[in-house]
Amino acid sequence: SGQVNAGATLFLPLMLTSYQKAYGNIYSATTDVYQSPYAATAET
């Protein structure tokens, strides 16, 4: 029921990649978090 902030689709790829690189446990595969077709390129 929450409000999505303006810019969220830009901030989340930056943040998910950042934390995956730092902690290594955010996802096993990009498809765990991203819908198709975005999972193919979102991490980079």
ModelCIF file with pLDDT and N, C-alpha, C, O atoms, coordinates in Angstrom:
data_MODEL
#
_entry.id   MODEL 
#
_entity.id                         1 
_entity.type                       polymer 
_entity.pdbx_number_of_molecules   1 
#
_entity_poly.entity_id                      1 
_entity_poly.type                           'polypeptide(L)' 
_entity_poly.nstd_linkage                   no 
_entity_poly.nstd_monomer                   no 
_entity_poly.pdbx_seq_one_letter_code       SGQVNAGATLFLPLMLTSYQKAYGNIYSATTDVYQSPYAATAET 
_entity_poly.pdbx_seq_one_letter_code_can   SGQVNAGATLFLPLMLTSYQKAYGNIYSATTDVYQSPYAATAET 
_entity_poly.pdbx_strand_id                 A 
#
loop_
_entity_poly_seq.entity_id 
_entity_poly_seq.num 
_entity_poly_seq.mon_id 
_entity_poly_seq.hetero 
1 1  SER n 
1 2  GLY n 
1 3  GLN n 
1 4  VAL n 
1 5  ASN n 
1 6  ALA n 
1 7  GLY n 
1 8  ALA n 
1 9  THR n 
1 10 LEU n 
1 11 PHE n 
1 12 LEU n 
1 13 PRO n 
1 14 LEU n 
1 15 MET n 
1 16 LEU n 
1 17 THR n 
1 18 SER n 
1 19 TYR n 
1 20 GLN n 
1 21 LYS n 
1 22 ALA n 
1 23 TYR n 
1 24 GLY n 
1 25 ASN n 
1 26 ILE n 
1 27 TYR n 
1 28 SER n 
1 29 ALA n 
1 30 THR n 
1 31 THR n 
1 32 ASP n 
1 33 VAL n 
1 34 TYR n 
1 35 GLN n 
1 36 SER n 
1 37 PRO n 
1 38 TYR n 
1 39 ALA n 
1 40 ALA n 
1 41 THR n 
1 42 ALA n 
1 43 GLU n 
1 44 THR n 
#
_struct_asym.id          A 
_struct_asym.entity_id   1 
#
loop_
_ma_qa_metric.id 
_ma_qa_metric.mode 
_ma_qa_metric.name 
_ma_qa_metric.software_group_id 
_ma_qa_metric.type 
1 global pLDDT . pLDDT 
2 local  pLDDT . pLDDT 
#
_ma_qa_metric_global.metric_id      1 
_ma_qa_metric_global.metric_value   97.16 
_ma_qa_metric_global.model_id       1 
_ma_qa_metric_global.ordinal_id     1 
#
loop_
_ma_qa_metric_local.label_asym_id 
_ma_qa_metric_local.label_comp_id 
_ma_qa_metric_local.label_seq_id 
_ma_qa_metric_local.metric_id 
_ma_qa_metric_local.metric_value 
_ma_qa_metric_local.model_id 
_ma_qa_metric_local.ordinal_id 
A SER 1  2 83.00 1 1  
A GLY 2  2 85.00 1 2  
A GLN 3  2 94.00 1 3  
A VAL 4  2 97.00 1 4  
A ASN 5  2 98.00 1 5  
A ALA 6  2 98.00 1 6  
A GLY 7  2 98.00 1 7  
A ALA 8  2 98.00 1 8  
A THR 9  2 98.00 1 9  
A LEU 10 2 98.00 1 10 
A PHE 11 2 98.00 1 11 
A LEU 12 2 98.00 1 12 
A PRO 13 2 98.00 1 13 
A LEU 14 2 98.00 1 14 
A MET 15 2 98.00 1 15 
A LEU 16 2 98.00 1 16 
A THR 17 2 98.00 1 17 
A SER 18 2 98.00 1 18 
A TYR 19 2 98.00 1 19 
A GLN 20 2 98.00 1 20 
A LYS 21 2 98.00 1 21 
A ALA 22 2 98.00 1 22 
A TYR 23 2 98.00 1 23 
A GLY 24 2 98.00 1 24 
A ASN 25 2 98.00 1 25 
A ILE 26 2 98.00 1 26 
A TYR 27 2 98.00 1 27 
A SER 28 2 98.00 1 28 
A ALA 29 2 98.00 1 29 
A THR 30 2 98.00 1 30 
A THR 31 2 98.00 1 31 
A ASP 32 2 97.00 1 32 
A VAL 33 2 98.00 1 33 
A TYR 34 2 98.00 1 34 
A GLN 35 2 98.00 1 35 
A SER 36 2 97.00 1 36 
A PRO 37 2 98.00 1 37 
A TYR 38 2 98.00 1 38 
A ALA 39 2 98.00 1 39 
A ALA 40 2 98.00 1 40 
A THR 41 2 98.00 1 41 
A ALA 42 2 98.00 1 42 
A GLU 43 2 97.00 1 43 
A THR 44 2 97.00 1 44 
#
loop_
_atom_site.group_PDB 
_atom_site.id 
_atom_site.type_symbol 
_atom_site.label_atom_id 
_atom_site.label_alt_id 
_atom_site.label_comp_id 
_atom_site.label_asym_id 
_atom_site.label_entity_id 
_atom_site.label_seq_id 
_atom_site.pdbx_PDB_ins_code 
_atom_site.Cartn_x 
_atom_site.Cartn_y 
_atom_site.Cartn_z 
_atom_site.occupancy 
_atom_site.B_iso_or_equiv 
_atom_site.pdbx_formal_charge 
_atom_site.auth_seq_id 
_atom_site.auth_comp_id 
_atom_site.auth_asym_id 
_atom_site.auth_atom_id 
_atom_site.pdbx_PDB_model_num 
ATOM 1   N N  . SER A 1 1  ? 0.821  -1.217  0.000   1.00 83.00 ? 1  SER A N  1 
ATOM 2   C CA . SER A 1 1  ? 0.000  0.000   0.000   1.00 83.00 ? 1  SER A CA 1 
ATOM 3   C C  . SER A 1 1  ? 0.853  1.264   0.000   1.00 83.00 ? 1  SER A C  1 
ATOM 4   O O  . SER A 1 1  ? 0.331  2.370   0.143   1.00 83.00 ? 1  SER A O  1 
ATOM 5   N N  . GLY A 1 2  ? 2.154  1.101   -0.160  1.00 85.00 ? 2  GLY A N  1 
ATOM 6   C CA . GLY A 1 2  ? 3.077  2.225   -0.042  1.00 85.00 ? 2  GLY A CA 1 
ATOM 7   C C  . GLY A 1 2  ? 3.147  3.084   -1.292  1.00 85.00 ? 2  GLY A C  1 
ATOM 8   O O  . GLY A 1 2  ? 2.604  2.741   -2.342  1.00 85.00 ? 2  GLY A O  1 
ATOM 9   N N  . GLN A 1 3  ? 3.825  4.199   -1.151  1.00 94.00 ? 3  GLN A N  1 
ATOM 10  C CA . GLN A 1 3  ? 4.015  5.142   -2.252  1.00 94.00 ? 3  GLN A CA 1 
ATOM 11  C C  . GLN A 1 3  ? 5.393  4.935   -2.859  1.00 94.00 ? 3  GLN A C  1 
ATOM 12  O O  . GLN A 1 3  ? 6.394  4.916   -2.143  1.00 94.00 ? 3  GLN A O  1 
ATOM 13  N N  . VAL A 1 4  ? 5.447  4.781   -4.171  1.00 97.00 ? 4  VAL A N  1 
ATOM 14  C CA . VAL A 1 4  ? 6.725  4.677   -4.876  1.00 97.00 ? 4  VAL A CA 1 
ATOM 15  C C  . VAL A 1 4  ? 7.241  6.082   -5.144  1.00 97.00 ? 4  VAL A C  1 
ATOM 16  O O  . VAL A 1 4  ? 6.510  6.922   -5.669  1.00 97.00 ? 4  VAL A O  1 
ATOM 17  N N  . ASN A 1 5  ? 8.478  6.340   -4.793  1.00 98.00 ? 5  ASN A N  1 
ATOM 18  C CA . ASN A 1 5  ? 9.035  7.680   -4.972  1.00 98.00 ? 5  ASN A CA 1 
ATOM 19  C C  . ASN A 1 5  ? 9.435  7.930   -6.418  1.00 98.00 ? 5  ASN A C  1 
ATOM 20  O O  . ASN A 1 5  ? 9.784  7.004   -7.150  1.00 98.00 ? 5  ASN A O  1 
ATOM 21  N N  . ALA A 1 6  ? 9.380  9.178   -6.813  1.00 98.00 ? 6  ALA A N  1 
ATOM 22  C CA . ALA A 1 6  ? 9.805  9.566   -8.159  1.00 98.00 ? 6  ALA A CA 1 
ATOM 23  C C  . ALA A 1 6  ? 11.279 9.219   -8.346  1.00 98.00 ? 6  ALA A C  1 
ATOM 24  O O  . ALA A 1 6  ? 12.119 9.589   -7.525  1.00 98.00 ? 6  ALA A O  1 
ATOM 25  N N  . GLY A 1 7  ? 11.588 8.511   -9.423  1.00 98.00 ? 7  GLY A N  1 
ATOM 26  C CA . GLY A 1 7  ? 12.967 8.119   -9.703  1.00 98.00 ? 7  GLY A CA 1 
ATOM 27  C C  . GLY A 1 7  ? 13.321 6.711   -9.261  1.00 98.00 ? 7  GLY A C  1 
ATOM 28  O O  . GLY A 1 7  ? 14.463 6.281   -9.429  1.00 98.00 ? 7  GLY A O  1 
ATOM 29  N N  . ALA A 1 8  ? 12.359 5.980   -8.696  1.00 98.00 ? 8  ALA A N  1 
ATOM 30  C CA . ALA A 1 8  ? 12.661 4.681   -8.102  1.00 98.00 ? 8  ALA A CA 1 
ATOM 31  C C  . ALA A 1 8  ? 13.254 3.684   -9.099  1.00 98.00 ? 8  ALA A C  1 
ATOM 32  O O  . ALA A 1 8  ? 14.105 2.879   -8.721  1.00 98.00 ? 8  ALA A O  1 
ATOM 33  N N  . THR A 1 9  ? 12.826 3.719   -10.356 1.00 98.00 ? 9  THR A N  1 
ATOM 34  C CA . THR A 1 9  ? 13.344 2.740   -11.316 1.00 98.00 ? 9  THR A CA 1 
ATOM 35  C C  . THR A 1 9  ? 14.789 3.040   -11.730 1.00 98.00 ? 9  THR A C  1 
ATOM 36  O O  . THR A 1 9  ? 15.436 2.217   -12.376 1.00 98.00 ? 9  THR A O  1 
ATOM 37  N N  . LEU A 1 10 ? 15.279 4.199   -11.362 1.00 98.00 ? 10 LEU A N  1 
ATOM 38  C CA . LEU A 1 10 ? 16.699 4.512   -11.566 1.00 98.00 ? 10 LEU A CA 1 
ATOM 39  C C  . LEU A 1 10 ? 17.499 4.139   -10.324 1.00 98.00 ? 10 LEU A C  1 
ATOM 40  O O  . LEU A 1 10 ? 18.600 3.598   -10.422 1.00 98.00 ? 10 LEU A O  1 
ATOM 41  N N  . PHE A 1 11 ? 16.936 4.434   -9.155  1.00 98.00 ? 11 PHE A N  1 
ATOM 42  C CA . PHE A 1 11 ? 17.675 4.231   -7.918  1.00 98.00 ? 11 PHE A CA 1 
ATOM 43  C C  . PHE A 1 11 ? 17.843 2.756   -7.573  1.00 98.00 ? 11 PHE A C  1 
ATOM 44  O O  . PHE A 1 11 ? 18.889 2.357   -7.059  1.00 98.00 ? 11 PHE A O  1 
ATOM 45  N N  . LEU A 1 12 ? 16.821 1.939   -7.850  1.00 98.00 ? 12 LEU A N  1 
ATOM 46  C CA . LEU A 1 12 ? 16.888 0.538   -7.442  1.00 98.00 ? 12 LEU A CA 1 
ATOM 47  C C  . LEU A 1 12 ? 17.974 -0.256  -8.175  1.00 98.00 ? 12 LEU A C  1 
ATOM 48  O O  . LEU A 1 12 ? 18.663 -1.039  -7.523  1.00 98.00 ? 12 LEU A O  1 
ATOM 49  N N  . PRO A 1 13 ? 18.168 -0.103  -9.491  1.00 98.00 ? 13 PRO A N  1 
ATOM 50  C CA . PRO A 1 13 ? 19.291 -0.816  -10.109 1.00 98.00 ? 13 PRO A CA 1 
ATOM 51  C C  . PRO A 1 13 ? 20.647 -0.402  -9.534  1.00 98.00 ? 13 PRO A C  1 
ATOM 52  O O  . PRO A 1 13 ? 21.522 -1.242  -9.323  1.00 98.00 ? 13 PRO A O  1 
ATOM 53  N N  . LEU A 1 14 ? 20.813 0.894   -9.285  1.00 98.00 ? 14 LEU A N  1 
ATOM 54  C CA . LEU A 1 14 ? 22.056 1.361   -8.664  1.00 98.00 ? 14 LEU A CA 1 
ATOM 55  C C  . LEU A 1 14 ? 22.257 0.708   -7.302  1.00 98.00 ? 14 LEU A C  1 
ATOM 56  O O  . LEU A 1 14 ? 23.353 0.255   -6.973  1.00 98.00 ? 14 LEU A O  1 
ATOM 57  N N  . MET A 1 15 ? 21.188 0.666   -6.516  1.00 98.00 ? 15 MET A N  1 
ATOM 58  C CA . MET A 1 15 ? 21.278 0.166   -5.150  1.00 98.00 ? 15 MET A CA 1 
ATOM 59  C C  . MET A 1 15 ? 21.443 -1.348  -5.103  1.00 98.00 ? 15 MET A C  1 
ATOM 60  O O  . MET A 1 15 ? 22.263 -1.861  -4.341  1.00 98.00 ? 15 MET A O  1 
ATOM 61  N N  . LEU A 1 16 ? 20.670 -2.063  -5.914  1.00 98.00 ? 16 LEU A N  1 
ATOM 62  C CA . LEU A 1 16 ? 20.768 -3.523  -5.906  1.00 98.00 ? 16 LEU A CA 1 
ATOM 63  C C  . LEU A 1 16 ? 22.147 -3.990  -6.359  1.00 98.00 ? 16 LEU A C  1 
ATOM 64  O O  . LEU A 1 16 ? 22.714 -4.908  -5.765  1.00 98.00 ? 16 LEU A O  1 
ATOM 65  N N  . THR A 1 17 ? 22.693 -3.371  -7.402  1.00 98.00 ? 17 THR A N  1 
ATOM 66  C CA . THR A 1 17 ? 24.039 -3.736  -7.848  1.00 98.00 ? 17 THR A CA 1 
ATOM 67  C C  . THR A 1 17 ? 25.065 -3.398  -6.780  1.00 98.00 ? 17 THR A C  1 
ATOM 68  O O  . THR A 1 17 ? 25.961 -4.195  -6.502  1.00 98.00 ? 17 THR A O  1 
ATOM 69  N N  . SER A 1 18 ? 24.941 -2.232  -6.185  1.00 98.00 ? 18 SER A N  1 
ATOM 70  C CA . SER A 1 18 ? 25.873 -1.815  -5.134  1.00 98.00 ? 18 SER A CA 1 
ATOM 71  C C  . SER A 1 18 ? 25.921 -2.829  -3.998  1.00 98.00 ? 18 SER A C  1 
ATOM 72  O O  . SER A 1 18 ? 27.002 -3.237  -3.572  1.00 98.00 ? 18 SER A O  1 
ATOM 73  N N  . TYR A 1 19 ? 24.760 -3.234  -3.509  1.00 98.00 ? 19 TYR A N  1 
ATOM 74  C CA . TYR A 1 19 ? 24.720 -4.134  -2.361  1.00 98.00 ? 19 TYR A CA 1 
ATOM 75  C C  . TYR A 1 19 ? 25.074 -5.570  -2.752  1.00 98.00 ? 19 TYR A C  1 
ATOM 76  O O  . TYR A 1 19 ? 25.641 -6.307  -1.945  1.00 98.00 ? 19 TYR A O  1 
ATOM 77  N N  . GLN A 1 20 ? 24.745 -5.973  -3.983  1.00 98.00 ? 20 GLN A N  1 
ATOM 78  C CA . GLN A 1 20 ? 25.164 -7.289  -4.450  1.00 98.00 ? 20 GLN A CA 1 
ATOM 79  C C  . GLN A 1 20 ? 26.694 -7.364  -4.511  1.00 98.00 ? 20 GLN A C  1 
ATOM 80  O O  . GLN A 1 20 ? 27.285 -8.364  -4.102  1.00 98.00 ? 20 GLN A O  1 
ATOM 81  N N  . LYS A 1 21 ? 27.328 -6.311  -5.018  1.00 98.00 ? 21 LYS A N  1 
ATOM 82  C CA . LYS A 1 21 ? 28.789 -6.289  -5.106  1.00 98.00 ? 21 LYS A CA 1 
ATOM 83  C C  . LYS A 1 21 ? 29.424 -6.269  -3.716  1.00 98.00 ? 21 LYS A C  1 
ATOM 84  O O  . LYS A 1 21 ? 30.459 -6.898  -3.494  1.00 98.00 ? 21 LYS A O  1 
ATOM 85  N N  . ALA A 1 22 ? 28.805 -5.550  -2.786  1.00 98.00 ? 22 ALA A N  1 
ATOM 86  C CA . ALA A 1 22 ? 29.389 -5.408  -1.451  1.00 98.00 ? 22 ALA A CA 1 
ATOM 87  C C  . ALA A 1 22 ? 29.175 -6.640  -0.582  1.00 98.00 ? 22 ALA A C  1 
ATOM 88  O O  . ALA A 1 22 ? 30.078 -7.061  0.140   1.00 98.00 ? 22 ALA A O  1 
ATOM 89  N N  . TYR A 1 23 ? 27.959 -7.224  -0.653  1.00 98.00 ? 23 TYR A N  1 
ATOM 90  C CA . TYR A 1 23 ? 27.596 -8.275  0.295   1.00 98.00 ? 23 TYR A CA 1 
ATOM 91  C C  . TYR A 1 23 ? 27.425 -9.648  -0.352  1.00 98.00 ? 23 TYR A C  1 
ATOM 92  O O  . TYR A 1 23 ? 27.505 -10.667 0.334   1.00 98.00 ? 23 TYR A O  1 
ATOM 93  N N  . GLY A 1 24 ? 27.190 -9.684  -1.660  1.00 98.00 ? 24 GLY A N  1 
ATOM 94  C CA . GLY A 1 24 ? 27.140 -10.943 -2.399  1.00 98.00 ? 24 GLY A CA 1 
ATOM 95  C C  . GLY A 1 24 ? 25.928 -11.804 -2.161  1.00 98.00 ? 24 GLY A C  1 
ATOM 96  O O  . GLY A 1 24 ? 25.907 -12.953 -2.602  1.00 98.00 ? 24 GLY A O  1 
ATOM 97  N N  . ASN A 1 25 ? 24.903 -11.297 -1.473  1.00 98.00 ? 25 ASN A N  1 
ATOM 98  C CA . ASN A 1 25 ? 23.784 -12.157 -1.095  1.00 98.00 ? 25 ASN A CA 1 
ATOM 99  C C  . ASN A 1 25 ? 22.410 -11.548 -1.368  1.00 98.00 ? 25 ASN A C  1 
ATOM 100 O O  . ASN A 1 25 ? 21.410 -11.998 -0.809  1.00 98.00 ? 25 ASN A O  1 
ATOM 101 N N  . ILE A 1 26 ? 22.356 -10.536 -2.217  1.00 98.00 ? 26 ILE A N  1 
ATOM 102 C CA . ILE A 1 26 ? 21.076 -9.879  -2.493  1.00 98.00 ? 26 ILE A CA 1 
ATOM 103 C C  . ILE A 1 26 ? 20.226 -10.739 -3.418  1.00 98.00 ? 26 ILE A C  1 
ATOM 104 O O  . ILE A 1 26 ? 19.003 -10.779 -3.280  1.00 98.00 ? 26 ILE A O  1 
ATOM 105 N N  . TYR A 1 27 ? 20.859 -11.422 -4.351  1.00 98.00 ? 27 TYR A N  1 
ATOM 106 C CA . TYR A 1 27 ? 20.152 -12.349 -5.243  1.00 98.00 ? 27 TYR A CA 1 
ATOM 107 C C  . TYR A 1 27 ? 21.124 -13.396 -5.753  1.00 98.00 ? 27 TYR A C  1 
ATOM 108 O O  . TYR A 1 27 ? 22.334 -13.177 -5.802  1.00 98.00 ? 27 TYR A O  1 
ATOM 109 N N  . SER A 1 28 ? 20.565 -14.543 -6.132  1.00 98.00 ? 28 SER A N  1 
ATOM 110 C CA . SER A 1 28 ? 21.379 -15.591 -6.760  1.00 98.00 ? 28 SER A CA 1 
ATOM 111 C C  . SER A 1 28 ? 21.473 -15.379 -8.256  1.00 98.00 ? 28 SER A C  1 
ATOM 112 O O  . SER A 1 28 ? 22.488 -15.688 -8.881  1.00 98.00 ? 28 SER A O  1 
ATOM 113 N N  . ALA A 1 29 ? 20.400 -14.847 -8.823  1.00 98.00 ? 29 ALA A N  1 
ATOM 114 C CA . ALA A 1 29 ? 20.357 -14.489 -10.246 1.00 98.00 ? 29 ALA A CA 1 
ATOM 115 C C  . ALA A 1 29 ? 19.534 -13.216 -10.368 1.00 98.00 ? 29 ALA A C  1 
ATOM 116 O O  . ALA A 1 29 ? 18.659 -12.952 -9.543  1.00 98.00 ? 29 ALA A O  1 
ATOM 117 N N  . THR A 1 30 ? 19.814 -12.434 -11.392 1.00 98.00 ? 30 THR A N  1 
ATOM 118 C CA . THR A 1 30 ? 19.084 -11.169 -11.555 1.00 98.00 ? 30 THR A CA 1 
ATOM 119 C C  . THR A 1 30 ? 17.589 -11.390 -11.712 1.00 98.00 ? 30 THR A C  1 
ATOM 120 O O  . THR A 1 30 ? 16.793 -10.510 -11.383 1.00 98.00 ? 30 THR A O  1 
ATOM 121 N N  . THR A 1 31 ? 17.200 -12.559 -12.213 1.00 98.00 ? 31 THR A N  1 
ATOM 122 C CA . THR A 1 31 ? 15.772 -12.865 -12.365 1.00 98.00 ? 31 THR A CA 1 
ATOM 123 C C  . THR A 1 31 ? 15.061 -13.021 -11.020 1.00 98.00 ? 31 THR A C  1 
ATOM 124 O O  . THR A 1 31 ? 13.831 -13.041 -10.966 1.00 98.00 ? 31 THR A O  1 
ATOM 125 N N  . ASP A 1 32 ? 15.827 -13.131 -9.945  1.00 97.00 ? 32 ASP A N  1 
ATOM 126 C CA . ASP A 1 32 ? 15.215 -13.179 -8.621  1.00 97.00 ? 32 ASP A CA 1 
ATOM 127 C C  . ASP A 1 32 ? 14.565 -11.848 -8.256  1.00 97.00 ? 32 ASP A C  1 
ATOM 128 O O  . ASP A 1 32 ? 13.609 -11.802 -7.481  1.00 97.00 ? 32 ASP A O  1 
ATOM 129 N N  . VAL A 1 33 ? 15.093 -10.776 -8.821  1.00 98.00 ? 33 VAL A N  1 
ATOM 130 C CA . VAL A 1 33 ? 14.599 -9.452  -8.419  1.00 98.00 ? 33 VAL A CA 1 
ATOM 131 C C  . VAL A 1 33 ? 14.009 -8.649  -9.576  1.00 98.00 ? 33 VAL A C  1 
ATOM 132 O O  . VAL A 1 33 ? 13.116 -7.830  -9.358  1.00 98.00 ? 33 VAL A O  1 
ATOM 133 N N  . TYR A 1 34 ? 14.489 -8.867  -10.803 1.00 98.00 ? 34 TYR A N  1 
ATOM 134 C CA . TYR A 1 34 ? 14.049 -8.066  -11.939 1.00 98.00 ? 34 TYR A CA 1 
ATOM 135 C C  . TYR A 1 34 ? 13.102 -8.852  -12.847 1.00 98.00 ? 34 TYR A C  1 
ATOM 136 O O  . TYR A 1 34 ? 13.293 -10.044 -13.083 1.00 98.00 ? 34 TYR A O  1 
ATOM 137 N N  . GLN A 1 35 ? 12.097 -8.172  -13.341 1.00 98.00 ? 35 GLN A N  1 
ATOM 138 C CA . GLN A 1 35 ? 11.225 -8.763  -14.346 1.00 98.00 ? 35 GLN A CA 1 
ATOM 139 C C  . GLN A 1 35 ? 11.966 -8.825  -15.691 1.00 98.00 ? 35 GLN A C  1 
ATOM 140 O O  . GLN A 1 35 ? 12.955 -8.129  -15.917 1.00 98.00 ? 35 GLN A O  1 
ATOM 141 N N  . SER A 1 36 ? 11.444 -9.687  -16.567 1.00 97.00 ? 36 SER A N  1 
ATOM 142 C CA . SER A 1 36 ? 11.907 -9.712  -17.957 1.00 97.00 ? 36 SER A CA 1 
ATOM 143 C C  . SER A 1 36 ? 11.276 -8.515  -18.680 1.00 97.00 ? 36 SER A C  1 
ATOM 144 O O  . SER A 1 36 ? 10.106 -8.210  -18.447 1.00 97.00 ? 36 SER A O  1 
ATOM 145 N N  . PRO A 1 37 ? 12.028 -7.831  -19.553 1.00 98.00 ? 37 PRO A N  1 
ATOM 146 C CA . PRO A 1 37 ? 13.363 -8.129  -20.065 1.00 98.00 ? 37 PRO A CA 1 
ATOM 147 C C  . PRO A 1 37 ? 14.488 -7.464  -19.281 1.00 98.00 ? 37 PRO A C  1 
ATOM 148 O O  . PRO A 1 37 ? 15.653 -7.569  -19.666 1.00 98.00 ? 37 PRO A O  1 
ATOM 149 N N  . TYR A 1 38 ? 14.157 -6.782  -18.188 1.00 98.00 ? 38 TYR A N  1 
ATOM 150 C CA . TYR A 1 38 ? 15.139 -5.940  -17.492 1.00 98.00 ? 38 TYR A CA 1 
ATOM 151 C C  . TYR A 1 38 ? 16.220 -6.756  -16.797 1.00 98.00 ? 38 TYR A C  1 
ATOM 152 O O  . TYR A 1 38 ? 17.325 -6.262  -16.576 1.00 98.00 ? 38 TYR A O  1 
ATOM 153 N N  . ALA A 1 39 ? 15.907 -8.003  -16.452 1.00 98.00 ? 39 ALA A N  1 
ATOM 154 C CA . ALA A 1 39 ? 16.879 -8.834  -15.749 1.00 98.00 ? 39 ALA A CA 1 
ATOM 155 C C  . ALA A 1 39 ? 18.151 -9.050  -16.561 1.00 98.00 ? 39 ALA A C  1 
ATOM 156 O O  . ALA A 1 39 ? 19.217 -9.279  -15.990 1.00 98.00 ? 39 ALA A O  1 
ATOM 157 N N  . ALA A 1 40 ? 18.050 -8.981  -17.878 1.00 98.00 ? 40 ALA A N  1 
ATOM 158 C CA . ALA A 1 40 ? 19.207 -9.261  -18.738 1.00 98.00 ? 40 ALA A CA 1 
ATOM 159 C C  . ALA A 1 40 ? 20.291 -8.195  -18.637 1.00 98.00 ? 40 ALA A C  1 
ATOM 160 O O  . ALA A 1 40 ? 21.466 -8.484  -18.863 1.00 98.00 ? 40 ALA A O  1 
ATOM 161 N N  . THR A 1 41 ? 19.912 -6.975  -18.304 1.00 98.00 ? 41 THR A N  1 
ATOM 162 C CA . THR A 1 41 ? 20.894 -5.874  -18.361 1.00 98.00 ? 41 THR A CA 1 
ATOM 163 C C  . THR A 1 41 ? 20.952 -5.029  -17.094 1.00 98.00 ? 41 THR A C  1 
ATOM 164 O O  . THR A 1 41 ? 21.857 -4.204  -16.964 1.00 98.00 ? 41 THR A O  1 
ATOM 165 N N  . ALA A 1 42 ? 20.023 -5.201  -16.157 1.00 98.00 ? 42 ALA A N  1 
ATOM 166 C CA . ALA A 1 42 ? 19.912 -4.263  -15.035 1.00 98.00 ? 42 ALA A CA 1 
ATOM 167 C C  . ALA A 1 42 ? 21.155 -4.204  -14.165 1.00 98.00 ? 42 ALA A C  1 
ATOM 168 O O  . ALA A 1 42 ? 21.510 -3.133  -13.672 1.00 98.00 ? 42 ALA A O  1 
ATOM 169 N N  . GLU A 1 43 ? 21.823 -5.334  -13.966 1.00 97.00 ? 43 GLU A N  1 
ATOM 170 C CA . GLU A 1 43 ? 22.967 -5.355  -13.059 1.00 97.00 ? 43 GLU A CA 1 
ATOM 171 C C  . GLU A 1 43 ? 24.110 -4.471  -13.539 1.00 97.00 ? 43 GLU A C  1 
ATOM 172 O O  . GLU A 1 43 ? 24.858 -3.924  -12.728 1.00 97.00 ? 43 GLU A O  1 
ATOM 173 N N  . THR A 1 44 ? 24.246 -4.331  -14.843 1.00 97.00 ? 44 THR A N  1 
ATOM 174 C CA . THR A 1 44 ? 25.344 -3.538  -15.406 1.00 97.00 ? 44 THR A CA 1 
ATOM 175 C C  . THR A 1 44 ? 24.851 -2.277  -16.109 1.00 97.00 ? 44 THR A C  1 
ATOM 176 O O  . THR A 1 44 ? 25.657 -1.508  -16.633 1.00 97.00 ? 44 THR A O  1 
#
